[in-house]
C-alpha atoms as a PDB file:
ATOM      1  CA  MET A   1     -13.933  -7.301  -0.411  1.00  0.00           C
ATOM      2  CA  SER A   2     -11.352  -7.221  -3.250  1.00  0.00           C
ATOM      3  CA  ASP A   3      -9.094 -10.134  -4.916  1.00  0.00           C
ATOM      4  CA  TYR A   4      -6.296  -7.718  -4.992  1.00  0.00           C
ATOM      5  CA  ARG A   5      -3.186  -8.944  -3.204  1.00  0.00           C
ATOM      6  CA  ALA A   6       0.194  -7.001  -3.158  1.00  0.00           C
ATOM      7  CA  PRO A   7       3.288  -9.117  -4.529  1.00  0.00           C
ATOM      8  CA  VAL A   8       4.971  -8.216  -1.670  1.00  0.00           C
ATOM      9  CA  LYS A   9       7.558 -10.906  -2.660  1.00  0.00           C
ATOM     10  CA  ASP A  10       8.369  -9.774  -5.891  1.00  0.00           C
ATOM     11  CA  MET A  11       8.793  -6.539  -4.207  1.00  0.00           C
ATOM     12  CA  ARG A  12      11.059  -8.195  -1.422  1.00  0.00           C
ATOM     13  CA  PHE A  13      13.000  -9.845  -4.726  1.00  0.00           C
ATOM     14  CA  VAL A  14      13.741  -6.779  -5.872  1.00  0.00           C
ATOM     15  CA  MET A  15      14.703  -4.669  -2.680  1.00  0.00           C
ATOM     16  CA  ASP A  16      17.533  -7.575  -2.009  1.00  0.00           C
ATOM     17  CA  GLU A  17      18.652  -8.965  -5.389  1.00  0.00           C
ATOM     18  CA  LEU A  18      18.602  -5.809  -7.509  1.00  0.00           C
ATOM     19  CA  ALA A  19      18.668  -2.967  -5.105  1.00  0.00           C
ATOM     20  CA  GLY A  20      20.737  -3.995  -3.105  1.00  0.00           C
ATOM     21  CA  PHE A  21      18.683  -3.552   0.232  1.00  0.00           C
ATOM     22  CA  ARG A  22      20.565  -5.269   2.343  1.00  0.00           C
ATOM     23  CA  GLU A  23      23.658  -2.957   1.917  1.00  0.00           C
ATOM     24  CA  LEU A  24      21.691   0.132   2.601  1.00  0.00           C
ATOM     25  CA  SER A  25      22.229  -0.294   6.277  1.00  0.00           C
ATOM     26  CA  GLN A  26      25.872  -0.020   6.261  1.00  0.00           C
ATOM     27  CA  ILE A  27      25.653   3.515   4.857  1.00  0.00           C
ATOM     28  CA  ALA A  28      25.587   6.212   7.727  1.00  0.00           C
ATOM     29  CA  GLY A  29      22.392   7.802   8.244  1.00  0.00           C
ATOM     30  CA  TYR A  30      20.601   4.098   7.531  1.00  0.00           C
ATOM     31  CA  GLU A  31      21.870   1.814   9.863  1.00  0.00           C
ATOM     32  CA  GLU A  32      18.022   1.334  10.880  1.00  0.00           C
ATOM     33  CA  ALA A  33      16.973   0.229   7.868  1.00  0.00           C
ATOM     34  CA  THR A  34      16.578  -3.438   8.638  1.00  0.00           C
ATOM     35  CA  PRO A  35      14.955  -6.447   6.252  1.00  0.00           C
ATOM     36  CA  ASP A  36      12.557  -6.699   9.386  1.00  0.00           C
ATOM     37  CA  LEU A  37      11.561  -2.787   9.198  1.00  0.00           C
ATOM     38  CA  ALA A  38      11.183  -2.943   5.192  1.00  0.00           C
ATOM     39  CA  ASP A  39       8.679  -6.387   5.988  1.00  0.00           C
ATOM     40  CA  ALA A  40       6.384  -4.545   8.373  1.00  0.00           C
ATOM     41  CA  ILE A  41       6.007  -1.301   5.917  1.00  0.00           C
ATOM     42  CA  LEU A  42       5.584  -3.421   3.166  1.00  0.00           C
ATOM     43  CA  GLU A  43       3.038  -5.797   4.769  1.00  0.00           C
ATOM     44  CA  GLU A  44       0.889  -2.639   6.152  1.00  0.00           C
ATOM     45  CA  ALA A  45       1.564  -1.452   2.387  1.00  0.00           C
ATOM     46  CA  ALA A  46      -0.364  -4.498   1.128  1.00  0.00           C
ATOM     47  CA  LYS A  47      -3.028  -4.370   3.617  1.00  0.00           C
ATOM     48  CA  PHE A  48      -3.480  -0.754   2.827  1.00  0.00           C
ATOM     49  CA  THR A  49      -4.069  -1.303  -0.602  1.00  0.00           C
ATOM     50  CA  GLY A  50      -5.984  -4.509  -0.598  1.00  0.00           C
ATOM     51  CA  GLU A  51      -8.587  -2.765   1.938  1.00  0.00           C
ATOM     52  CA  VAL A  52      -8.871   0.982   0.955  1.00  0.00           C
ATOM     53  CA  LEU A  53      -7.583   1.289  -2.575  1.00  0.00           C
ATOM     54  CA  ALA A  54      -8.344  -1.438  -4.769  1.00  0.00           C
ATOM     55  CA  PRO A  55     -12.256  -1.728  -3.760  1.00  0.00           C
ATOM     56  CA  LEU A  56     -11.959   1.837  -5.036  1.00  0.00           C
ATOM     57  CA  ASN A  57     -11.815   0.684  -8.590  1.00  0.00           C
ATOM     58  CA  ARG A  58     -15.115  -0.604  -8.363  1.00  0.00           C
ATOM     59  CA  ILE A  59     -16.536   2.484  -7.423  1.00  0.00           C
ATOM     60  CA  GLY A  60     -14.362   4.462 -10.177  1.00  0.00           C
ATOM     61  CA  ASP A  61     -15.934   1.699 -12.622  1.00  0.00           C
ATOM     62  CA  HIS A  62     -19.398   2.726 -12.302  1.00  0.00           C
ATOM     63  CA  ALA A  63     -17.885   6.587 -11.437  1.00  0.00           C
ATOM     64  CA  GLU A  64     -20.236   8.107 -14.684  1.00  0.00           C
ATOM     65  CA  ARG A  65     -23.131   6.374 -12.608  1.00  0.00           C
ATOM     66  CA  LEU A  66     -22.426   8.401  -9.319  1.00  0.00           C
ATOM     67  CA  GLU A  67     -23.106  12.209 -10.683  1.00  0.00           C
ATOM     68  CA  GLY A  68     -20.592  14.141  -8.829  1.00  0.00           C
ATOM     69  CA  SER A  69     -20.523  11.940  -5.771  1.00  0.00           C
ATOM     70  CA  LEU A  70     -17.631  10.170  -6.471  1.00  0.00           C
ATOM     71  CA  GLN A  71     -15.723  12.475  -3.878  1.00  0.00           C
ATOM     72  CA  ALA A  72     -17.515  12.357  -1.056  1.00  0.00           C
ATOM     73  CA  VAL A  73     -17.420   8.328  -1.239  1.00  0.00           C
ATOM     74  CA  LEU A  74     -13.632   8.344  -1.541  1.00  0.00           C
ATOM     75  CA  ARG A  75     -13.680  10.720   1.488  1.00  0.00           C
ATOM     76  CA  CYS A  76     -15.698   8.858   3.344  1.00  0.00           C
ATOM     77  CA  ARG A  77     -13.647   5.567   2.725  1.00  0.00           C
ATOM     78  CA  LEU A  78     -10.414   7.219   3.701  1.00  0.00           C
ATOM     79  CA  GLU A  79     -11.356   9.184   6.551  1.00  0.00           C
ATOM     80  CA  ARG A  80     -13.006   6.075   8.097  1.00  0.00           C
ATOM     81  CA  HIS A  81      -9.710   4.070   7.139  1.00  0.00           C
ATOM     82  CA  PHE A  82      -7.334   6.979   8.541  1.00  0.00           C
ATOM     83  CA  LEU A  83      -9.597   7.412  11.583  1.00  0.00           C
ATOM     84  CA  ALA A  84     -10.088   3.689  12.240  1.00  0.00           C
ATOM     85  CA  GLY A  85      -6.748   3.078  13.144  1.00  0.00           C
END
């Protein structure tokens, strides 16, 4: 398991305070862009990066030892993640 934790609080701060996310739902066509939806998306993205992408860093650090099998390892991990859920 990886030690990586996505900075979800920092991302929300940037979205809310700097980018004006709350005003986005006032624009026609973006009515469904709610804080709850943004939180759900950020939490799932954080989970994906922590569970799937971050562990690949360790594999990539030792790629020279894999001698061509790196693509197979990466493909296997990604397929396992997407097929599981």
